[in-house]
Amino acid sequence: MFSRAASTLVRRVSLVGTRSYSDGPMAFTFASQNQVFYNGADVRQVDVPSFSGSFGILPKHVPSLAVLKPGVLTVLEADGAAKKYFVSSGIVTINEDSSVQILAEEAAGVEELDLGAARDILSKAHSEANAATSEEAKAEALIKVEVAEELVKAAESG
């Protein structure tokens, strides 16, 4: 009896170890208000910064919904090329059919970012935060600071 149970367990464990989560297509759509970056493109993986933590999306990912936080989104294309984009905020939808949609408030290729301009934006955001007199103005300014800090990091990495 024990050997039969052990044999069944070994077969199940070996089957689990052979499943490949990255096999199969993953239709990817990524757009901002001003530009469509991908429209139903077949990609291998997408790494996203979210408020629940940064995570990678592969084909057959569990269906999910997440909110983007400011940071770098990385797309590993079907040919193996990695493209990086700065996103300020937005939403990620992962569907049961392995399709993924990302709608960003603002997005730009990391290579397009100007480090000097990003640092200027950060400086102005800090000034606004220091000059804010109401709680609402302070909160808005701190959001600008957070986005600008991530923008500077992205520009430095590009």
Protein backbone atom coordinates (compact mmCIF):
# COMPACT_ATOMS: atom_id res chain seq x y z
CA MET A 1 0.00 0.00 0.00
CA PHE A 2 2.79 2.42 0.90
CA SER A 3 4.69 1.71 -2.32
CA ARG A 4 1.58 2.36 -4.43
CA ALA A 5 0.97 5.69 -2.67
CA ALA A 6 4.64 6.66 -3.05
CA SER A 7 4.59 5.72 -6.73
CA THR A 8 1.47 7.84 -7.33
CA LEU A 9 3.06 10.79 -5.52
CA VAL A 10 6.25 10.49 -7.58
CA ARG A 11 4.24 10.48 -10.83
CA ARG A 12 2.28 13.56 -9.76
CA VAL A 13 5.41 15.44 -8.66
CA SER A 14 7.19 14.60 -11.93
CA LEU A 15 4.19 15.88 -13.93
CA VAL A 16 4.17 19.13 -11.98
CA GLY A 17 7.86 19.60 -12.68
CA THR A 18 7.37 19.22 -16.44
CA ARG A 19 4.70 21.88 -16.92
CA SER A 20 6.06 24.86 -18.79
CA TYR A 21 4.29 28.06 -17.88
CA SER A 22 5.98 30.13 -20.58
CA ASP A 23 4.77 27.97 -23.49
CA GLY A 24 2.06 29.33 -25.71
CA PRO A 25 1.15 32.76 -26.96
CA MET A 26 0.50 35.80 -24.81
CA ALA A 27 -1.33 38.56 -26.66
CA PHE A 28 -0.13 41.87 -25.26
CA THR A 29 -1.67 45.30 -25.63
CA PHE A 30 0.04 48.33 -24.09
CA ALA A 31 -1.07 51.91 -24.63
CA SER A 32 -1.02 55.35 -23.06
CA GLN A 33 -3.29 58.29 -23.76
CA ASN A 34 -1.09 59.40 -26.66
CA GLN A 35 0.40 56.23 -28.10
CA VAL A 36 -0.19 52.52 -28.69
CA PHE A 37 3.05 50.63 -28.06
CA TYR A 38 1.74 47.07 -28.63
CA ASN A 39 -1.61 45.94 -30.01
CA GLY A 40 -2.23 42.22 -29.57
CA ALA A 41 1.48 41.46 -30.04
CA ASP A 42 2.85 38.03 -29.11
CA VAL A 43 5.39 38.55 -26.31
CA ARG A 44 7.26 36.22 -23.96
CA GLN A 45 7.08 38.17 -20.69
CA VAL A 46 6.13 41.52 -19.21
CA ASP A 47 7.58 42.83 -15.92
CA VAL A 48 5.45 45.50 -14.29
CA PRO A 49 5.82 47.81 -11.29
CA SER A 50 2.63 47.67 -9.21
CA PHE A 51 1.46 48.87 -5.83
CA SER A 52 1.20 45.25 -4.71
CA GLY A 53 4.84 44.71 -5.73
CA SER A 54 6.68 44.33 -9.00
CA PHE A 55 5.92 41.09 -10.81
CA GLY A 56 6.48 39.26 -14.07
CA ILE A 57 3.71 38.08 -16.35
CA LEU A 58 4.17 34.94 -18.44
CA PRO A 59 1.68 33.06 -20.63
CA LYS A 60 -0.91 31.21 -18.55
CA HIS A 61 -0.47 33.66 -15.65
CA VAL A 62 -3.30 33.58 -13.17
CA PRO A 63 -5.98 36.14 -14.15
CA SER A 64 -5.33 39.33 -12.20
CA LEU A 65 -5.96 43.02 -11.99
CA ALA A 66 -3.30 45.40 -10.66
CA VAL A 67 -2.60 49.10 -10.42
CA LEU A 68 0.67 50.35 -11.89
CA LYS A 69 2.95 52.48 -9.79
CA PRO A 70 5.57 54.79 -11.29
CA GLY A 71 8.52 52.82 -12.61
CA VAL A 72 9.97 50.82 -15.47
CA LEU A 73 7.88 48.28 -17.36
CA THR A 74 9.93 45.72 -19.30
CA VAL A 75 8.63 43.78 -22.29
CA LEU A 76 10.49 40.66 -23.45
CA GLU A 77 9.43 40.35 -27.06
CA ALA A 78 8.97 37.08 -28.98
CA ASP A 79 12.42 37.47 -30.61
CA GLY A 80 14.09 37.90 -27.19
CA ALA A 81 14.56 41.67 -27.39
CA ALA A 82 13.87 43.52 -24.13
CA LYS A 83 12.20 46.93 -24.37
CA LYS A 84 11.84 49.23 -21.36
CA TYR A 85 9.21 51.90 -20.80
CA PHE A 86 8.66 54.38 -18.02
CA VAL A 87 5.04 54.42 -16.78
CA SER A 88 3.62 56.97 -14.37
CA SER A 89 0.47 55.05 -13.39
CA GLY A 90 -2.20 52.90 -14.92
CA ILE A 91 -3.84 49.50 -14.79
CA VAL A 92 -2.84 45.93 -15.71
CA THR A 93 -5.41 43.32 -16.69
CA ILE A 94 -4.41 39.67 -17.11
CA ASN A 95 -7.19 37.58 -18.66
CA GLU A 96 -7.93 33.85 -18.57
CA ASP A 97 -7.06 33.52 -22.28
CA SER A 98 -3.47 34.67 -21.46
CA SER A 99 -4.04 38.09 -23.00
CA VAL A 100 -2.65 41.09 -21.12
CA GLN A 101 -3.70 44.73 -21.38
CA ILE A 102 -1.81 47.62 -19.83
CA LEU A 103 -3.28 51.10 -19.96
CA ALA A 104 -0.86 53.73 -18.69
CA GLU A 105 -1.66 57.31 -17.81
CA GLU A 106 1.72 58.33 -19.26
CA ALA A 107 4.41 56.16 -20.86
CA ALA A 108 7.62 56.65 -22.81
CA GLY A 109 10.52 54.50 -23.93
CA VAL A 110 13.35 54.70 -21.40
CA GLU A 111 15.77 55.61 -24.19
CA GLU A 112 13.65 58.71 -24.91
CA LEU A 113 14.00 60.12 -21.39
CA ASP A 114 16.16 63.18 -20.78
CA LEU A 115 18.01 62.86 -17.46
CA GLY A 116 18.49 66.63 -17.09
CA ALA A 117 14.79 67.30 -17.67
CA ALA A 118 13.85 64.51 -15.26
CA ARG A 119 16.05 66.02 -12.54
CA ASP A 120 14.48 69.44 -13.19
CA ILE A 121 10.99 67.92 -12.79
CA LEU A 122 12.09 66.33 -9.52
CA SER A 123 13.49 69.63 -8.23
CA LYS A 124 10.25 71.45 -9.06
CA ALA A 125 8.19 68.70 -7.43
CA HIS A 126 10.24 69.01 -4.21
CA SER A 127 9.73 72.79 -4.27
CA GLU A 128 5.97 72.33 -4.66
CA ALA A 129 5.91 69.85 -1.77
CA ASN A 130 7.83 72.23 0.49
CA ALA A 131 5.60 75.19 -0.45
CA ALA A 132 2.28 73.32 -0.09
CA THR A 133 0.00 74.87 2.51
CA SER A 134 -3.00 72.54 2.48
CA GLU A 135 -3.08 68.78 3.03
CA GLU A 136 -4.51 68.29 -0.44
CA ALA A 137 -1.76 70.35 -2.09
CA LYS A 138 0.87 68.50 -0.05
CA ALA A 139 -0.54 65.10 -1.10
CA GLU A 140 -0.59 66.09 -4.78
CA ALA A 141 2.96 67.41 -4.56
CA LEU A 142 4.19 64.21 -2.89
CA ILE A 143 2.67 62.16 -5.70
CA LYS A 144 4.58 64.35 -8.18
CA VAL A 145 7.76 63.77 -6.15
CA GLU A 146 7.27 59.98 -6.23
CA VAL A 147 6.69 59.96 -10.00
CA ALA A 148 9.67 62.29 -10.59
CA GLU A 149 11.98 60.15 -8.44
CA GLU A 150 11.09 57.07 -10.49
CA LEU A 151 11.47 59.09 -13.70
CA VAL A 152 15.01 60.05 -12.69
CA LYS A 153 15.84 56.40 -11.86
CA ALA A 154 14.48 55.30 -15.23
CA ALA A 155 16.43 58.00 -17.08
CA GLU A 156 19.62 57.02 -15.25
CA SER A 157 19.16 53.37 -16.23
CA GLY A 158 18.47 54.14 -19.90
